[in-house]
Protein backbone atom coordinates (compact mmCIF):
# COMPACT_ATOMS: atom_id res chain seq x y z
CA MET A 1 19.60 6.41 -8.06
CA ARG A 2 18.78 6.00 -4.18
CA ARG A 3 21.91 4.59 -2.67
CA ALA A 4 21.44 2.96 1.12
CA TYR A 5 24.10 2.32 3.73
CA SER A 6 23.93 0.38 7.01
CA VAL A 7 24.49 2.03 10.44
CA GLU A 8 27.54 1.17 10.77
CA THR A 9 28.76 2.47 7.64
CA VAL A 10 27.22 5.84 8.40
CA ARG A 11 28.56 6.30 11.54
CA ALA A 12 31.93 5.64 10.31
CA ALA A 13 31.61 8.37 7.78
CA GLU A 14 30.12 10.76 10.30
CA ALA A 15 32.89 10.47 12.18
CA ALA A 16 34.99 11.25 9.65
CA LEU A 17 33.48 14.35 8.36
CA MET A 18 33.28 15.43 11.72
CA LYS A 19 37.05 15.49 11.99
CA ARG A 20 36.75 17.98 9.11
CA VAL A 21 34.30 20.33 10.31
CA PRO A 22 32.93 22.24 13.40
CA GLU A 23 32.01 20.94 16.15
CA GLY A 24 28.20 20.52 16.22
CA ALA A 25 28.00 21.37 12.32
CA LEU A 26 26.38 17.82 11.44
CA MET A 27 23.71 18.31 13.54
CA GLN A 28 22.81 21.72 12.72
CA ARG A 29 22.75 20.74 9.13
CA ALA A 30 20.47 17.97 9.88
CA ALA A 31 18.25 20.20 12.25
CA ALA A 32 18.02 22.73 9.49
CA GLY A 33 16.92 20.10 6.75
CA LEU A 34 14.38 18.70 9.52
CA ALA A 35 12.92 21.93 10.20
CA ALA A 36 12.57 23.19 6.63
CA ALA A 37 10.80 19.51 5.86
CA CYS A 38 8.38 20.40 9.14
CA GLY A 39 7.43 23.99 7.54
CA ASP A 40 6.59 22.43 4.14
CA LEU A 41 4.18 20.26 5.37
CA LEU A 42 2.53 22.87 7.66
CA ARG A 43 2.46 24.97 4.84
CA ARG A 44 0.50 22.39 2.84
CA THR A 45 -2.63 22.72 5.75
CA GLY A 46 -1.83 26.32 6.63
CA ARG A 47 1.41 28.02 7.79
CA VAL A 48 4.07 27.90 10.08
CA TYR A 49 3.40 30.81 12.50
CA GLY A 50 0.65 29.88 14.89
CA ALA A 51 0.89 26.29 14.48
CA ARG A 52 1.10 23.75 17.21
CA VAL A 53 4.00 21.10 16.98
CA LEU A 54 4.98 18.02 19.31
CA LEU A 55 8.27 16.85 19.51
CA LEU A 56 8.39 13.13 20.74
CA VAL A 57 12.05 13.13 21.99
CA GLY A 58 14.44 10.59 23.09
CA GLY A 59 18.04 10.60 24.36
CA GLY A 60 20.97 10.84 22.29
CA ASP A 61 21.83 12.83 18.75
CA ASN A 62 18.13 12.03 17.34
CA GLY A 63 16.61 13.74 20.17
CA GLY A 64 19.10 16.38 19.66
CA ASP A 65 18.08 16.81 15.85
CA ALA A 66 14.42 16.88 16.86
CA LEU A 67 15.22 19.69 19.68
CA TYR A 68 17.34 22.10 17.84
CA ALA A 69 14.74 21.86 14.25
CA GLY A 70 11.53 22.53 16.85
CA ALA A 71 14.05 25.51 18.22
CA ARG A 72 14.09 26.84 14.54
CA LEU A 73 10.69 26.36 14.27
CA ALA A 74 9.84 28.24 17.30
CA ARG A 75 11.63 31.14 16.28
CA ARG A 76 9.33 30.97 13.34
CA GLY A 77 6.38 31.66 15.57
CA ALA A 78 4.93 28.08 15.86
CA GLY A 79 4.02 26.60 19.61
CA VAL A 80 6.45 24.12 20.34
CA ARG A 81 6.68 21.62 22.86
CA ALA A 82 8.26 18.66 23.58
CA LEU A 83 7.68 15.51 25.39
CA LEU A 84 10.69 13.84 26.97
CA VAL A 85 10.75 10.10 26.95
CA SER A 86 13.77 10.22 29.17
CA PRO A 87 14.39 13.71 30.76
CA ASP A 88 17.46 12.82 32.26
CA ARG A 89 19.20 12.06 29.05
CA ALA A 90 18.15 14.51 26.64
CA HIS A 91 20.48 15.84 24.27
CA ALA A 92 21.86 19.24 26.66
CA GLY A 93 22.62 21.46 24.07
CA GLY A 94 19.81 20.67 21.89
CA LEU A 95 17.49 21.09 25.31
CA ALA A 96 19.00 24.40 25.98
CA ALA A 97 18.86 25.70 22.49
CA PHE A 98 14.83 24.95 22.44
CA LEU A 99 14.01 26.32 25.61
CA ALA A 100 15.70 29.65 24.92
CA ALA A 101 13.63 30.09 21.74
CA GLY A 102 10.31 29.66 23.37
CA GLY A 103 10.04 25.96 23.42
CA ARG A 104 8.03 24.46 26.25
CA VAL A 105 8.47 20.99 27.92
CA ALA A 106 4.90 19.53 28.06
CA ASP A 107 4.51 17.66 31.68
CA GLY A 108 2.92 14.37 29.81
CA PRO A 109 0.83 13.40 27.05
CA ASP A 110 -2.54 14.63 28.74
CA GLY A 111 -3.99 17.89 27.88
CA LEU A 112 -1.84 18.91 24.62
CA GLY A 113 -4.79 20.24 22.79
CA GLY A 114 -4.88 20.13 19.26
CA LEU A 115 -1.66 19.57 17.35
CA ASP A 116 -0.93 20.16 13.76
CA LEU A 117 2.02 18.29 13.40
CA VAL A 118 3.88 15.47 15.80
CA VAL A 119 7.64 15.11 15.03
CA ASP A 120 9.36 11.88 16.02
CA GLY A 121 12.75 12.22 17.80
CA ILE A 122 12.61 8.96 19.91
CA THR A 123 15.09 6.54 18.68
CA GLY A 124 16.22 6.90 15.17
CA ILE A 125 18.33 4.52 13.57
CA GLY A 126 20.12 3.47 16.60
CA GLY A 127 17.27 1.72 17.92
CA ARG A 128 17.16 -1.70 18.11
CA GLY A 129 14.01 -4.34 18.93
CA GLY A 130 10.88 -2.23 18.54
CA LEU A 131 10.33 1.02 21.23
CA ARG A 132 10.94 0.16 25.20
CA GLU A 133 7.61 0.23 27.16
CA ASP A 134 8.47 3.71 28.42
CA ALA A 135 8.64 4.93 24.57
CA LEU A 136 5.48 3.03 23.71
CA ALA A 137 3.23 4.18 26.50
CA LEU A 138 4.03 7.59 25.37
CA LEU A 139 3.29 7.02 21.66
CA ARG A 140 0.16 5.22 22.37
CA ALA A 141 -0.79 8.30 24.56
CA VAL A 142 -0.39 10.78 22.18
CA THR A 143 -1.84 8.55 19.11
CA ARG A 144 -4.77 8.13 20.46
CA ASP A 145 -5.65 11.61 21.01
CA HIS A 146 -4.03 12.76 17.82
CA ASP A 147 -4.49 9.88 15.24
CA ARG A 148 -5.09 12.31 12.47
CA THR A 149 -2.20 14.44 13.17
CA PRO A 150 0.64 14.02 10.41
CA VAL A 151 3.79 12.74 11.41
CA ILE A 152 7.05 13.04 10.76
CA ALA A 153 10.10 11.02 11.86
CA VAL A 154 13.77 11.96 12.69
CA ASP A 155 16.19 9.94 10.27
CA LEU A 156 13.98 6.51 10.97
CA PRO A 157 10.60 5.86 12.37
CA SER A 158 11.36 4.77 15.75
CA GLY A 159 11.10 0.95 16.16
CA VAL A 160 11.88 -0.12 12.86
CA GLU A 161 15.48 -1.88 12.27
CA ALA A 162 17.26 0.76 10.23
CA ASP A 163 19.97 -2.37 8.63
CA SER A 164 17.62 -4.94 7.93
CA GLY A 165 13.83 -3.55 6.98
CA GLU A 166 12.68 -5.58 10.00
CA VAL A 167 9.89 -4.82 12.47
CA HIS A 168 9.84 -6.34 15.97
CA GLY A 169 6.82 -5.02 17.81
CA GLU A 170 5.25 -1.92 17.77
CA ALA A 171 6.95 1.35 15.55
CA VAL A 172 6.34 4.67 14.81
CA ARG A 173 3.79 5.05 11.71
CA ALA A 174 5.11 8.38 9.93
CA ASP A 175 3.51 10.19 7.19
CA ALA A 176 7.13 11.10 6.14
CA THR A 177 10.49 10.28 6.98
CA VAL A 178 13.49 12.97 6.94
CA THR A 179 16.86 11.20 6.81
CA PHE A 180 20.21 12.90 6.61
CA GLY A 181 23.22 12.59 4.33
CA THR A 182 22.11 9.07 2.98
CA TYR A 183 19.20 6.21 2.79
CA LYS A 184 19.42 3.64 5.15
CA PRO A 185 18.01 -0.10 3.84
CA GLY A 186 14.81 0.77 6.73
CA HIS A 187 13.21 3.29 4.49
CA LEU A 188 13.62 1.07 1.35
CA ILE A 189 12.64 -2.67 2.21
CA ASP A 190 9.21 -3.46 3.91
CA PRO A 191 7.98 -3.93 6.64
CA ALA A 192 9.95 -0.98 7.92
CA ALA A 193 9.55 1.15 4.88
CA GLU A 194 5.73 1.04 4.93
CA HIS A 195 6.15 2.95 8.44
CA ALA A 196 8.32 5.79 7.06
CA GLY A 197 6.15 7.24 4.07
CA ALA A 198 7.29 9.95 2.14
CA LEU A 199 11.00 10.15 1.92
CA ARG A 200 13.35 13.39 2.07
CA LEU A 201 16.98 13.22 1.85
CA VAL A 202 18.68 16.05 3.33
CA ASP A 203 22.23 16.64 2.47
CA ILE A 204 25.02 16.93 5.36
CA GLY A 205 28.07 16.80 2.90
CA LEU A 206 28.39 13.01 4.39
CA GLY A 207 28.81 11.83 0.40
CA PRO A 208 32.79 12.31 -0.09
CA GLU A 209 32.86 9.72 3.34
CA LEU A 210 30.57 7.00 1.83
CA PRO A 211 32.42 3.62 0.36
CA GLU A 212 31.52 2.17 -2.60
CA PRO A 213 29.49 -0.06 -3.27
CA PRO A 214 26.19 0.51 -1.07
CA ASP A 215 24.59 -1.83 0.91
CA LEU A 216 21.64 -1.27 -1.07
CA GLU A 217 20.62 0.58 -4.48
CA ALA A 218 17.07 1.20 -6.30
CA LEU A 219 16.92 2.23 -9.74
CA GLN A 220 15.29 5.23 -10.88
CA TYR A 221 13.94 6.14 -14.43
CA ALA A 222 17.66 7.21 -16.02
CA ASP A 223 19.36 4.23 -14.40
CA VAL A 224 16.38 1.91 -16.13
CA ALA A 225 16.46 3.71 -19.31
CA ALA A 226 20.37 3.40 -19.51
CA LEU A 227 19.85 -0.36 -19.34
CA LEU A 228 16.95 -0.85 -21.98
CA PRO A 229 17.87 -3.08 -24.72
CA VAL A 230 16.91 -0.76 -27.86
CA PRO A 231 17.00 -2.28 -31.24
CA GLY A 232 19.49 -0.42 -33.92
CA ALA A 233 18.86 -0.08 -37.94
CA GLU A 234 20.50 -3.44 -38.74
CA SER A 235 18.80 -5.44 -35.83
CA ASP A 236 17.31 -8.78 -36.55
CA LYS A 237 15.06 -11.08 -34.32
CA TYR A 238 17.91 -12.83 -32.77
CA SER A 239 20.27 -10.07 -31.81
CA ARG A 240 17.05 -8.48 -30.27
CA GLY A 241 16.67 -11.73 -28.36
CA VAL A 242 14.91 -15.13 -28.60
CA VAL A 243 13.67 -16.18 -25.36
CA GLY A 244 12.28 -19.95 -24.66
CA VAL A 245 8.77 -20.28 -22.43
CA VAL A 246 8.19 -23.78 -20.92
CA ALA A 247 4.93 -22.88 -18.94
CA GLY A 248 1.76 -23.85 -18.63
CA SER A 249 -0.27 -27.44 -18.33
CA GLU A 250 -3.65 -28.59 -19.23
CA ARG A 251 -4.82 -27.35 -15.92
CA TYR A 252 -2.96 -24.22 -16.35
CA PRO A 253 -3.01 -22.95 -20.13
CA GLY A 254 -3.26 -19.49 -19.36
CA ALA A 255 -0.12 -19.33 -17.51
CA ALA A 256 1.69 -20.22 -20.66
CA VAL A 257 0.06 -17.32 -22.59
CA LEU A 258 0.90 -14.90 -19.72
CA ALA A 259 4.47 -16.08 -19.82
CA VAL A 260 4.29 -15.26 -23.74
CA SER A 261 2.35 -12.25 -23.54
CA GLY A 262 5.18 -10.63 -20.76
CA ALA A 263 7.89 -11.48 -23.00
CA LEU A 264 6.60 -10.65 -26.42
CA HIS A 265 5.37 -7.02 -24.82
CA GLY A 266 8.78 -6.64 -23.71
CA GLY A 267 10.63 -6.55 -26.52
CA ALA A 268 11.82 -10.40 -27.51
CA GLY A 269 12.55 -10.52 -31.04
CA ALA A 270 10.98 -13.70 -31.08
CA VAL A 271 9.48 -16.09 -28.72
CA ARG A 272 9.66 -20.13 -28.68
CA TYR A 273 7.31 -21.75 -26.60
CA VAL A 274 7.28 -25.53 -25.65
CA GLY A 275 4.40 -27.22 -23.80
CA PRO A 276 0.59 -28.37 -23.44
CA GLY A 277 -0.65 -24.59 -23.65
CA ALA A 278 0.73 -24.67 -27.69
CA ASP A 279 -2.88 -24.07 -28.74
CA ALA A 280 -4.21 -21.12 -26.33
CA VAL A 281 -0.85 -19.29 -27.37
CA ILE A 282 -0.99 -19.84 -31.12
CA ALA A 283 -4.74 -18.44 -31.13
CA ARG A 284 -3.85 -15.41 -29.08
CA PHE A 285 -0.07 -14.92 -30.58
CA PRO A 286 0.13 -16.45 -33.74
CA GLU A 287 3.88 -14.97 -33.78
CA THR A 288 4.85 -17.32 -31.55
CA LEU A 289 7.13 -20.60 -32.54
CA VAL A 290 6.04 -23.43 -30.97
CA HIS A 291 7.47 -27.00 -30.33
CA ALA A 292 6.06 -30.22 -28.76
CA GLY A 293 9.37 -30.73 -26.99
CA PRO A 294 11.89 -31.66 -25.33
CA PRO A 295 12.93 -27.63 -25.08
CA SER A 296 16.57 -28.75 -26.19
CA LYS A 297 15.05 -29.71 -29.63
CA ALA A 298 13.19 -26.40 -30.04
CA GLY A 299 15.79 -23.98 -31.99
CA ARG A 300 17.89 -21.62 -31.19
CA VAL A 301 17.34 -19.26 -28.20
CA GLN A 302 19.23 -16.95 -25.30
CA ALA A 303 17.60 -17.70 -22.74
CA TRP A 304 14.97 -19.83 -21.30
CA VAL A 305 11.84 -18.93 -18.80
CA ILE A 306 10.70 -21.75 -16.99
CA GLY A 307 8.15 -22.67 -14.74
CA PRO A 308 4.60 -20.81 -14.38
CA GLY A 309 1.84 -23.29 -14.25
CA LEU A 310 4.07 -26.07 -15.13
CA GLY A 311 2.47 -28.40 -12.85
CA ASP A 312 4.31 -31.28 -10.98
CA GLY A 313 4.33 -34.56 -13.38
CA ARG A 314 6.61 -36.59 -15.71
CA TRP A 315 6.65 -34.25 -18.11
CA ALA A 316 7.26 -30.83 -16.23
CA GLU A 317 10.58 -32.51 -14.00
CA GLU A 318 12.11 -33.55 -17.25
CA ALA A 319 11.24 -30.07 -18.82
CA VAL A 320 13.25 -28.19 -15.84
CA ALA A 321 16.08 -31.04 -16.05
CA ASP A 322 16.35 -29.99 -19.54
CA VAL A 323 16.24 -26.49 -19.63
CA LEU A 324 18.80 -26.51 -16.78
CA GLY A 325 21.10 -28.31 -18.76
CA ALA A 326 21.20 -25.69 -21.38
CA ASP A 327 24.36 -23.30 -21.95
CA VAL A 328 21.96 -19.97 -21.93
CA PRO A 329 20.60 -17.86 -18.84
CA VAL A 330 17.59 -19.51 -17.31
CA LEU A 331 14.99 -17.94 -15.26
CA VAL A 332 13.03 -20.19 -13.02
CA ASP A 333 9.42 -19.51 -11.47
CA ALA A 334 6.67 -20.80 -9.88
CA ASP A 335 6.20 -24.71 -10.39
CA GLY A 336 9.88 -24.67 -11.65
CA LEU A 337 11.02 -24.19 -8.21
CA ARG A 338 9.66 -26.88 -6.72
CA LEU A 339 10.96 -29.28 -9.41
CA LEU A 340 14.63 -27.92 -9.42
CA GLU A 341 17.60 -29.70 -8.22
CA PRO A 342 19.65 -27.38 -5.58
CA GLU A 343 23.03 -28.92 -6.94
CA THR A 344 22.07 -28.73 -10.86
CA VAL A 345 21.43 -24.50 -9.88
CA ARG A 346 24.95 -24.14 -8.19
CA THR A 347 26.77 -26.22 -10.48
CA ARG A 348 25.80 -24.20 -13.53
CA THR A 349 27.96 -22.15 -15.37
CA ALA A 350 25.53 -20.00 -17.40
CA ALA A 351 23.48 -17.86 -15.16
CA THR A 352 20.07 -18.66 -13.36
CA VAL A 353 17.54 -16.18 -11.96
CA LEU A 354 15.40 -17.78 -9.52
CA THR A 355 12.12 -15.59 -8.95
CA PRO A 356 9.96 -16.70 -6.04
CA HIS A 357 7.63 -15.32 -4.08
CA ALA A 358 7.81 -15.44 0.02
CA GLY A 359 6.07 -18.73 0.40
CA GLU A 360 8.25 -20.21 -2.38
CA ALA A 361 11.41 -18.68 -0.80
CA ALA A 362 10.18 -20.14 2.33
CA ALA A 363 9.83 -23.43 0.79
CA LEU A 364 13.29 -23.08 -0.79
CA LEU A 365 15.05 -22.19 2.80
CA GLY A 366 13.36 -24.41 5.03
CA VAL A 367 11.10 -21.72 6.86
CA ALA A 368 8.15 -20.11 7.89
CA ARG A 369 6.83 -18.19 5.27
CA GLU A 370 6.17 -15.67 8.12
CA GLU A 371 10.12 -15.56 8.59
CA VAL A 372 10.91 -14.80 5.38
CA GLU A 373 7.91 -11.95 5.00
CA ALA A 374 9.67 -10.38 8.43
CA GLY A 375 13.06 -10.68 7.09
CA ARG A 376 13.28 -9.84 3.12
CA LEU A 377 16.67 -8.61 2.68
CA ALA A 378 18.25 -11.75 4.91
CA ALA A 379 16.00 -14.19 3.05
CA VAL A 380 17.21 -12.49 -0.61
CA ARG A 381 20.85 -12.85 0.66
CA GLU A 382 20.35 -16.43 1.79
CA LEU A 383 18.94 -17.80 -1.11
CA ALA A 384 21.50 -16.45 -3.43
CA ALA A 385 23.96 -17.52 -1.35
CA ARG A 386 22.61 -20.73 -1.32
CA TYR A 387 21.63 -21.33 -4.97
CA ARG A 388 24.56 -19.20 -6.32
CA ALA A 389 22.11 -17.72 -8.48
CA THR A 390 20.53 -13.90 -8.95
CA VAL A 391 17.09 -14.15 -6.72
CA LEU A 392 14.36 -11.79 -7.27
CA LEU A 393 12.05 -12.00 -4.54
CA LYS A 394 8.68 -11.00 -4.76
CA GLY A 395 6.77 -9.23 -2.86
CA SER A 396 5.67 -5.50 -1.50
CA THR A 397 9.47 -4.68 -1.90
CA THR A 398 10.72 -6.83 -4.58
CA LEU A 399 14.52 -7.48 -3.88
CA VAL A 400 17.14 -8.51 -6.39
CA ALA A 401 20.32 -10.07 -4.88
CA GLU A 402 23.45 -12.13 -6.59
CA ALA A 403 25.71 -14.62 -4.76
CA ARG A 404 28.58 -12.27 -5.05
CA ASP A 405 29.23 -8.95 -3.44
CA THR A 406 27.21 -6.41 -5.28
CA PRO A 407 24.57 -4.18 -3.34
CA VAL A 408 21.28 -5.99 -3.21
CA ARG A 409 18.62 -3.74 -5.34
CA VAL A 410 14.97 -3.02 -4.17
CA ASN A 411 12.40 -1.87 -6.76
CA PRO A 412 10.90 1.31 -6.11
CA THR A 413 7.82 0.79 -8.61
CA GLY A 414 6.06 -1.81 -6.98
CA THR A 415 1.98 -1.21 -6.03
CA GLY A 416 -0.61 -3.75 -4.27
CA TRP A 417 -2.21 -3.86 -7.93
CA LEU A 418 0.24 -6.49 -8.67
CA ALA A 419 -1.10 -8.95 -6.22
CA THR A 420 -3.23 -10.63 -8.80
CA ALA A 421 -3.45 -14.33 -9.98
CA GLY A 422 -0.97 -14.30 -13.22
CA SER A 423 1.01 -11.14 -12.70
CA GLY A 424 4.13 -13.28 -11.52
CA ASP A 425 3.90 -15.27 -14.89
CA VAL A 426 4.19 -11.81 -17.09
CA LEU A 427 6.97 -10.84 -14.92
CA SER A 428 8.78 -14.21 -15.97
CA GLY A 429 8.19 -13.37 -19.82
CA LEU A 430 9.03 -9.84 -19.50
CA THR A 431 12.35 -10.59 -17.72
CA GLY A 432 13.12 -13.21 -19.81
CA SER A 433 13.12 -11.33 -22.76
CA LEU A 434 15.75 -8.96 -21.30
CA LEU A 435 17.85 -11.78 -20.38
CA ALA A 436 17.46 -13.08 -23.83
CA ALA A 437 18.51 -9.50 -25.16
CA GLY A 438 21.79 -9.64 -23.25
CA LEU A 439 21.38 -7.73 -19.91
CA ALA A 440 23.24 -9.38 -17.28
CA PRO A 441 21.06 -10.90 -14.84
CA ARG A 442 20.76 -8.79 -11.86
CA ASP A 443 20.09 -5.83 -14.76
CA ALA A 444 17.54 -7.75 -16.29
CA ALA A 445 15.55 -8.72 -12.90
CA SER A 446 15.80 -5.17 -11.72
CA VAL A 447 14.75 -3.48 -14.78
CA GLY A 448 11.58 -6.33 -15.15
CA ALA A 449 10.45 -5.41 -11.69
CA TYR A 450 10.78 -1.64 -12.38
CA LEU A 451 8.85 -2.04 -15.76
CA HIS A 452 6.56 -4.78 -14.48
CA GLY A 453 5.30 -1.67 -11.37
CA LEU A 454 5.08 0.83 -13.74
CA ALA A 455 2.64 -1.08 -16.57
CA ALA A 456 0.55 -2.05 -13.34
CA ARG A 457 0.01 1.46 -12.90
CA HIS A 458 -0.62 1.94 -16.53
CA GLY A 459 -3.31 -0.70 -16.78
CA SER A 460 -4.63 -0.01 -13.50
CA ASP A 461 -5.27 3.73 -13.89
CA GLY A 462 -6.50 3.41 -10.17
CA ALA A 463 -9.10 0.60 -10.98
CA PRO A 464 -8.34 -3.07 -10.05
CA VAL A 465 -5.75 -4.84 -12.57
CA SER A 466 -5.77 -8.18 -14.08
CA ALA A 467 -2.72 -9.93 -15.42
CA GLN A 468 -3.42 -9.14 -19.07
CA ASP A 469 -3.64 -5.24 -18.17
CA VAL A 470 -0.58 -5.36 -16.76
CA ALA A 471 1.05 -7.29 -19.80
CA HIS A 472 -0.49 -4.93 -21.64
CA GLY A 473 0.90 -1.71 -19.61
CA ILE A 474 4.81 -2.71 -20.50
CA PRO A 475 4.88 -0.90 -24.02
CA ALA A 476 3.49 2.45 -22.11
CA ALA A 477 6.09 1.70 -19.28
CA TRP A 478 8.68 1.34 -21.36
CA ARG A 479 8.06 4.85 -22.83
CA ASP A 480 7.64 6.40 -19.95
CA VAL A 481 11.13 5.30 -18.74
CA ARG A 482 12.77 6.62 -21.97
CA ALA A 483 10.92 9.65 -21.62
CA GLY A 484 12.28 10.36 -18.55
């Protein structure tokens, strides 16, 4: 599992560790890991000896990490130059080591010639509010002339917010980021994560000093495999989980089909469908148990999914109220989010999972969509607290938050292929099947999002993907996870 901590927590852990190790040891560990990562990248297209490397160096420890790493590369035969954003604030020890190893300080960004690598050591995790004008001017000049040169960021791309994943103004876009000790939220959450490129974590011995729980976590294959509900020899359809689906309308019958498809492919023992799309559902999935409604009269279920393609008529309003009155977990998506009563959600005794995209989240919070997209972590936390629910905020990085004090989960399998009509309906059915199987709400939402992303990759195979492709890719995603 990838775990991420706030800057404040990381600084406290570093301070505790520095009391137990020789002075400068942490910076040397970081520099060694950074230099190794730079060497690996350089060897992919050539070699370290004779490579042309440029360091963009800010003040403080981030610039020191870059300078010490540059010294190591220079001793291996690379031609390393440093552009100092603030020469009077450059890390003294790092600069001395860099010059002693044969590194050179460049007079400015002009006349640098060809470059094989740029190292961003301007601000790192300590930066706030985007790049300052002097650093921005330097970055623009370098990237203008070397726009195809790979960039490695030191700890975090300069100009992005480490704790929130927000980006205010211009920031470095790195091909790779080398971070130290632990991940930070900005490595995992867009828009900052988009600037980070490939991530490489360097162990500097910080682990024992980091507290529980982390601020964020991202499940990996083994974590998801441990959560997957696998039927035993004595299982029946009820023990595997019966999920109720209330979705679709005369205008959007396909939403019903897709939500049922996600539930069936997601491993539900049975699906009970209630809604106007019964004919379309039965034509596609004859094993579905259909009922005219209301949902409370449809029969036994272990979880409900409501909302995809539901519309906004009287029947839809009554169905949402009926389902939210049930004493089983309920997932609310799409049109259901517009029709729910906030106080009803807050006072439910059974679990509620809300699955908005950015626009729906903005409506629930009463803010602009752009505010949600720019501050996804703050938005998902606020939604979970306000509605006392588990919230899965869909988007370029899907986030899952609870009202209680547990780490926000970041889904690492997202892909742009999921930006297609109906894929959210599939996710609702899939997650509902996991709720019905007995997974805790946060686990069901996290595993559902993880499988959903993998399923899109299976369904697309590098080509455009439809919501049906995503649904059909779920079993392959399931097998991948179990195989490790």
